[in-house]
């Protein structure tokens, strides 16, 4: 890989641009707004306000959706899922697991799942 390409990839990864674009695309497909450009501008403004703790970060799913997803993972009803299940759920949702540092013996509760996802 050329040095310029490596720097470009590092830049994108450092600023989490692929995750942002994936999330914006998912929001577009979920909401299907009549004016997609205006919707994206508003979503980016919400992200900016959320980072400054001045507003709500734009979410694709609400708590009910997250609880339903968790219950699909916790088929036995134990009240928790394994770290492996959690990693796979994040990957399925298109979320990064690179910085996730969980031992395989860690259990994830529904509250942690909702908060982190």
N, C-alpha and C. Protein backbone atom coordinates (compact mmCIF):
# COMPACT_ATOMS: atom_id res chain seq x y z
N UNK A 1 0.86 -1.17 0.00
CA UNK A 1 0.00 0.00 0.00
C UNK A 1 0.91 1.24 0.00
N UNK A 2 0.57 2.18 -0.84
CA UNK A 2 1.37 3.40 -0.95
C UNK A 2 1.21 4.26 0.31
N UNK A 3 2.20 5.08 0.58
CA UNK A 3 2.19 5.92 1.78
C UNK A 3 0.99 6.86 1.79
N UNK A 4 0.66 7.43 0.64
CA UNK A 4 -0.48 8.35 0.57
C UNK A 4 -1.79 7.65 0.87
N UNK A 5 -1.94 6.45 0.36
CA UNK A 5 -3.16 5.68 0.63
C UNK A 5 -3.25 5.31 2.11
N UNK A 6 -2.12 4.95 2.71
CA UNK A 6 -2.09 4.61 4.13
C UNK A 6 -2.47 5.82 4.98
N UNK A 7 -1.92 6.99 4.63
CA UNK A 7 -2.27 8.21 5.38
C UNK A 7 -3.76 8.53 5.24
N UNK A 8 -4.28 8.32 4.04
CA UNK A 8 -5.71 8.58 3.82
C UNK A 8 -6.58 7.64 4.65
N UNK A 9 -6.23 6.37 4.67
CA UNK A 9 -6.98 5.40 5.47
C UNK A 9 -6.87 5.71 6.96
N UNK A 10 -5.68 6.08 7.40
CA UNK A 10 -5.49 6.45 8.81
C UNK A 10 -6.34 7.66 9.17
N UNK A 11 -6.36 8.63 8.27
CA UNK A 11 -7.16 9.84 8.50
C UNK A 11 -8.64 9.47 8.65
N UNK A 12 -9.16 8.68 7.72
CA UNK A 12 -10.57 8.29 7.78
C UNK A 12 -10.87 7.51 9.05
N UNK A 13 -10.00 6.60 9.40
CA UNK A 13 -10.21 5.78 10.60
C UNK A 13 -10.13 6.63 11.87
N UNK A 14 -9.15 7.54 11.93
CA UNK A 14 -8.97 8.38 13.11
C UNK A 14 -10.19 9.27 13.36
N UNK A 15 -10.79 9.74 12.29
CA UNK A 15 -11.95 10.63 12.42
C UNK A 15 -13.28 9.88 12.32
N UNK A 16 -13.20 8.57 12.23
CA UNK A 16 -14.38 7.68 12.20
C UNK A 16 -15.37 8.07 11.10
N UNK A 17 -14.83 8.43 9.94
CA UNK A 17 -15.65 8.85 8.81
C UNK A 17 -16.48 7.70 8.25
N UNK A 18 -15.93 6.49 8.08
CA UNK A 18 -16.78 5.40 7.56
C UNK A 18 -18.00 5.13 8.44
N UNK A 19 -17.82 5.15 9.77
CA UNK A 19 -18.95 4.92 10.68
C UNK A 19 -19.99 6.03 10.54
N UNK A 20 -19.51 7.28 10.43
CA UNK A 20 -20.43 8.40 10.28
C UNK A 20 -21.23 8.28 8.99
N UNK A 21 -20.56 7.98 7.89
CA UNK A 21 -21.26 7.84 6.61
C UNK A 21 -22.24 6.66 6.63
N UNK A 22 -21.83 5.58 7.27
CA UNK A 22 -22.72 4.42 7.38
C UNK A 22 -23.98 4.79 8.18
N UNK A 23 -23.78 5.49 9.28
CA UNK A 23 -24.91 5.89 10.12
C UNK A 23 -25.84 6.85 9.37
N UNK A 24 -25.25 7.82 8.66
CA UNK A 24 -26.07 8.76 7.91
C UNK A 24 -26.86 8.05 6.81
N UNK A 25 -26.22 7.09 6.15
CA UNK A 25 -26.92 6.31 5.14
C UNK A 25 -28.06 5.50 5.74
N UNK A 26 -27.82 4.91 6.91
CA UNK A 26 -28.87 4.13 7.58
C UNK A 26 -30.02 5.04 7.99
N UNK A 27 -29.71 6.23 8.50
CA UNK A 27 -30.78 7.18 8.86
C UNK A 27 -31.61 7.56 7.65
N UNK A 28 -30.94 7.79 6.52
CA UNK A 28 -31.66 8.13 5.29
C UNK A 28 -32.61 7.01 4.87
N UNK A 29 -32.10 5.79 4.88
CA UNK A 29 -32.93 4.67 4.45
C UNK A 29 -34.07 4.39 5.43
N UNK A 30 -33.82 4.62 6.70
CA UNK A 30 -34.85 4.38 7.71
C UNK A 30 -35.98 5.41 7.61
N UNK A 31 -35.61 6.69 7.49
CA UNK A 31 -36.60 7.76 7.50
C UNK A 31 -37.13 8.12 6.11
N UNK A 32 -36.34 7.89 5.08
CA UNK A 32 -36.70 8.20 3.69
C UNK A 32 -37.35 9.59 3.56
N UNK A 33 -36.60 10.63 3.92
CA UNK A 33 -37.17 11.98 3.88
C UNK A 33 -37.39 12.46 2.45
N UNK A 34 -38.33 13.37 2.29
CA UNK A 34 -38.61 13.96 0.98
C UNK A 34 -37.43 14.81 0.50
N UNK A 35 -36.74 15.43 1.44
CA UNK A 35 -35.60 16.29 1.12
C UNK A 35 -34.35 15.72 1.80
N UNK A 36 -33.70 14.75 1.16
CA UNK A 36 -32.58 14.06 1.81
C UNK A 36 -31.40 14.97 2.18
N UNK A 37 -31.10 15.95 1.34
CA UNK A 37 -29.95 16.82 1.66
C UNK A 37 -30.22 17.63 2.93
N UNK A 38 -31.42 18.19 3.02
CA UNK A 38 -31.79 18.95 4.22
C UNK A 38 -31.79 18.03 5.45
N UNK A 39 -32.28 16.82 5.27
CA UNK A 39 -32.30 15.85 6.36
C UNK A 39 -30.88 15.55 6.85
N UNK A 40 -29.95 15.35 5.90
CA UNK A 40 -28.56 15.06 6.26
C UNK A 40 -27.91 16.24 6.97
N UNK A 41 -28.19 17.45 6.50
CA UNK A 41 -27.66 18.64 7.16
C UNK A 41 -28.17 18.71 8.59
N UNK A 42 -29.46 18.46 8.77
CA UNK A 42 -30.04 18.49 10.11
C UNK A 42 -29.44 17.39 10.99
N UNK A 43 -29.22 16.20 10.42
CA UNK A 43 -28.62 15.10 11.18
C UNK A 43 -27.20 15.46 11.61
N UNK A 44 -26.43 16.07 10.70
CA UNK A 44 -25.06 16.47 11.06
C UNK A 44 -25.06 17.57 12.11
N UNK A 45 -26.02 18.48 12.04
CA UNK A 45 -26.14 19.50 13.08
C UNK A 45 -26.50 18.87 14.42
N UNK A 46 -27.32 17.83 14.40
CA UNK A 46 -27.66 17.11 15.63
C UNK A 46 -26.44 16.40 16.20
N UNK A 47 -25.62 15.82 15.33
CA UNK A 47 -24.39 15.17 15.78
C UNK A 47 -23.49 16.20 16.44
N UNK A 48 -23.35 17.35 15.80
CA UNK A 48 -22.50 18.42 16.34
C UNK A 48 -23.02 18.89 17.70
N UNK A 49 -24.34 19.10 17.80
CA UNK A 49 -24.92 19.53 19.07
C UNK A 49 -24.79 18.44 20.12
N UNK A 50 -24.96 17.19 19.73
CA UNK A 50 -24.80 16.08 20.67
C UNK A 50 -23.39 15.98 21.20
N UNK A 51 -22.42 16.25 20.36
CA UNK A 51 -21.02 16.21 20.81
C UNK A 51 -20.72 17.33 21.79
N UNK A 52 -21.43 18.44 21.65
CA UNK A 52 -21.25 19.56 22.59
C UNK A 52 -22.17 19.41 23.80
N UNK A 53 -22.90 18.30 23.86
CA UNK A 53 -23.87 18.04 24.93
C UNK A 53 -24.96 19.10 24.97
N UNK A 54 -25.32 19.61 23.78
CA UNK A 54 -26.37 20.62 23.70
C UNK A 54 -27.67 20.04 23.13
N UNK A 55 -27.62 18.82 22.71
CA UNK A 55 -28.82 18.25 22.11
C UNK A 55 -28.74 16.75 22.07
N UNK A 56 -29.71 16.16 21.46
CA UNK A 56 -29.84 14.71 21.36
C UNK A 56 -29.12 14.22 20.11
N UNK A 57 -28.25 13.23 20.27
CA UNK A 57 -27.57 12.62 19.14
C UNK A 57 -28.60 11.86 18.31
N UNK A 58 -28.56 11.96 16.98
CA UNK A 58 -29.57 11.27 16.17
C UNK A 58 -29.45 9.75 16.26
N UNK A 59 -30.53 9.10 16.64
CA UNK A 59 -30.52 7.65 16.80
C UNK A 59 -31.41 7.01 15.75
N UNK A 60 -30.99 5.87 15.28
CA UNK A 60 -31.77 5.10 14.32
C UNK A 60 -32.86 4.31 15.03
N UNK A 61 -32.56 3.84 16.23
CA UNK A 61 -33.51 3.01 16.96
C UNK A 61 -33.82 3.63 18.32
N UNK A 62 -35.03 3.38 18.78
CA UNK A 62 -35.39 3.86 20.11
C UNK A 62 -35.21 2.73 21.12
N UNK A 63 -35.54 3.01 22.38
CA UNK A 63 -35.33 2.01 23.44
C UNK A 63 -36.13 0.73 23.21
N UNK A 64 -37.34 0.86 22.69
CA UNK A 64 -38.16 -0.33 22.43
C UNK A 64 -37.50 -1.22 21.39
N UNK A 65 -36.92 -0.61 20.34
CA UNK A 65 -36.23 -1.39 19.32
C UNK A 65 -35.02 -2.11 19.91
N UNK A 66 -34.28 -1.40 20.76
CA UNK A 66 -33.10 -2.00 21.38
C UNK A 66 -33.48 -3.13 22.33
N UNK A 67 -34.56 -2.95 23.08
CA UNK A 67 -35.02 -4.01 23.99
C UNK A 67 -35.46 -5.24 23.20
N UNK A 68 -36.13 -5.02 22.07
CA UNK A 68 -36.56 -6.14 21.23
C UNK A 68 -35.35 -6.87 20.65
N UNK A 69 -34.35 -6.11 20.22
CA UNK A 69 -33.15 -6.73 19.68
C UNK A 69 -32.43 -7.54 20.75
N UNK A 70 -32.35 -6.98 21.95
CA UNK A 70 -31.70 -7.69 23.05
C UNK A 70 -32.43 -9.00 23.35
N UNK A 71 -33.75 -8.95 23.35
CA UNK A 71 -34.52 -10.17 23.66
C UNK A 71 -34.31 -11.24 22.59
N UNK A 72 -34.05 -10.84 21.36
CA UNK A 72 -33.74 -11.82 20.32
C UNK A 72 -32.39 -12.49 20.57
N UNK A 73 -31.48 -11.75 21.17
CA UNK A 73 -30.16 -12.31 21.49
C UNK A 73 -30.21 -13.14 22.76
N UNK A 74 -31.03 -12.73 23.71
CA UNK A 74 -31.16 -13.42 25.00
C UNK A 74 -32.36 -14.37 24.93
N UNK A 75 -32.24 -15.39 24.09
CA UNK A 75 -33.37 -16.28 23.82
C UNK A 75 -33.83 -17.06 25.04
N UNK A 76 -32.94 -17.32 25.98
CA UNK A 76 -33.29 -18.09 27.16
C UNK A 76 -33.86 -17.20 28.26
N UNK A 77 -33.70 -15.89 28.11
CA UNK A 77 -34.22 -14.96 29.11
C UNK A 77 -33.37 -14.86 30.35
N UNK A 78 -32.07 -14.96 30.21
CA UNK A 78 -31.16 -14.90 31.35
C UNK A 78 -30.96 -13.48 31.88
N UNK A 79 -31.29 -12.49 31.06
CA UNK A 79 -31.07 -11.10 31.47
C UNK A 79 -29.72 -10.57 31.05
N UNK A 80 -28.98 -11.37 30.29
CA UNK A 80 -27.69 -10.92 29.78
C UNK A 80 -27.34 -11.72 28.53
N UNK A 81 -26.38 -11.17 27.78
CA UNK A 81 -25.84 -11.87 26.62
C UNK A 81 -24.32 -11.93 26.78
N UNK A 82 -23.69 -12.77 26.00
CA UNK A 82 -22.24 -12.92 26.09
C UNK A 82 -21.55 -11.79 25.33
N UNK A 83 -20.27 -11.62 25.62
CA UNK A 83 -19.47 -10.61 24.92
C UNK A 83 -19.43 -10.92 23.42
N UNK A 84 -19.37 -12.20 23.07
CA UNK A 84 -19.35 -12.59 21.65
C UNK A 84 -20.65 -12.21 20.95
N UNK A 85 -21.78 -12.42 21.62
CA UNK A 85 -23.07 -12.03 21.05
C UNK A 85 -23.13 -10.51 20.87
N UNK A 86 -22.62 -9.81 21.85
CA UNK A 86 -22.60 -8.35 21.81
C UNK A 86 -21.77 -7.84 20.63
N UNK A 87 -20.58 -8.42 20.45
CA UNK A 87 -19.71 -8.02 19.33
C UNK A 87 -20.41 -8.26 18.00
N UNK A 88 -21.04 -9.41 17.86
CA UNK A 88 -21.73 -9.74 16.62
C UNK A 88 -22.91 -8.80 16.37
N UNK A 89 -23.63 -8.44 17.42
CA UNK A 89 -24.74 -7.50 17.27
C UNK A 89 -24.23 -6.15 16.79
N UNK A 90 -23.12 -5.69 17.35
CA UNK A 90 -22.54 -4.42 16.92
C UNK A 90 -22.13 -4.47 15.46
N UNK A 91 -21.50 -5.56 15.07
CA UNK A 91 -21.09 -5.72 13.66
C UNK A 91 -22.29 -5.73 12.74
N UNK A 92 -23.35 -6.43 13.15
CA UNK A 92 -24.56 -6.50 12.34
C UNK A 92 -25.18 -5.12 12.14
N UNK A 93 -25.08 -4.29 13.16
CA UNK A 93 -25.61 -2.93 13.09
C UNK A 93 -24.66 -1.97 12.37
N UNK A 94 -23.51 -2.47 11.98
CA UNK A 94 -22.54 -1.63 11.29
C UNK A 94 -21.74 -0.74 12.21
N UNK A 95 -21.68 -1.10 13.49
CA UNK A 95 -20.94 -0.31 14.47
C UNK A 95 -19.55 -0.92 14.68
N UNK A 96 -18.60 -0.08 14.97
CA UNK A 96 -17.22 -0.52 15.13
C UNK A 96 -17.03 -1.29 16.44
N UNK A 97 -16.23 -2.33 16.37
CA UNK A 97 -15.86 -3.10 17.56
C UNK A 97 -14.37 -3.01 17.83
N UNK A 98 -13.67 -2.14 17.08
CA UNK A 98 -12.22 -2.03 17.19
C UNK A 98 -11.76 -1.65 18.59
N UNK A 99 -12.43 -0.70 19.21
CA UNK A 99 -12.00 -0.21 20.52
C UNK A 99 -12.67 -0.95 21.67
N UNK A 100 -13.46 -1.94 21.35
CA UNK A 100 -14.18 -2.71 22.36
C UNK A 100 -13.23 -3.68 23.05
N UNK A 101 -13.09 -3.54 24.34
CA UNK A 101 -12.18 -4.40 25.10
C UNK A 101 -12.98 -5.14 26.17
N UNK A 102 -13.55 -6.26 25.76
CA UNK A 102 -14.33 -7.09 26.67
C UNK A 102 -13.74 -8.49 26.69
N UNK A 103 -13.59 -9.03 27.87
CA UNK A 103 -13.18 -10.41 27.98
C UNK A 103 -14.33 -11.33 27.60
N UNK A 104 -14.03 -12.53 27.19
CA UNK A 104 -15.07 -13.47 26.77
C UNK A 104 -15.98 -13.90 27.92
N UNK A 105 -15.54 -13.66 29.17
CA UNK A 105 -16.34 -14.05 30.32
C UNK A 105 -17.29 -12.94 30.80
N UNK A 106 -17.30 -11.80 30.10
CA UNK A 106 -18.14 -10.66 30.48
C UNK A 106 -19.55 -10.86 29.95
N UNK A 107 -20.54 -10.58 30.78
CA UNK A 107 -21.94 -10.61 30.36
C UNK A 107 -22.46 -9.19 30.21
N UNK A 108 -23.25 -8.98 29.17
CA UNK A 108 -23.81 -7.66 28.86
C UNK A 108 -25.29 -7.67 29.22
N UNK A 109 -25.70 -6.76 30.10
CA UNK A 109 -27.11 -6.66 30.49
C UNK A 109 -27.86 -5.80 29.48
N UNK A 110 -29.16 -5.81 29.56
CA UNK A 110 -29.98 -5.01 28.65
C UNK A 110 -29.70 -3.53 28.82
N UNK A 111 -29.46 -3.08 30.05
CA UNK A 111 -29.17 -1.66 30.28
C UNK A 111 -27.85 -1.25 29.62
N UNK A 112 -26.84 -2.08 29.75
CA UNK A 112 -25.55 -1.79 29.10
C UNK A 112 -25.73 -1.82 27.60
N UNK A 113 -26.47 -2.78 27.09
CA UNK A 113 -26.72 -2.90 25.65
C UNK A 113 -27.38 -1.63 25.12
N UNK A 114 -28.42 -1.18 25.78
CA UNK A 114 -29.13 0.04 25.34
C UNK A 114 -28.22 1.25 25.37
N UNK A 115 -27.46 1.38 26.43
CA UNK A 115 -26.57 2.54 26.59
C UNK A 115 -25.48 2.56 25.52
N UNK A 116 -24.86 1.43 25.28
CA UNK A 116 -23.73 1.38 24.37
C UNK A 116 -24.14 1.39 22.90
N UNK A 117 -25.22 0.71 22.57
CA UNK A 117 -25.65 0.66 21.17
C UNK A 117 -26.28 1.98 20.79
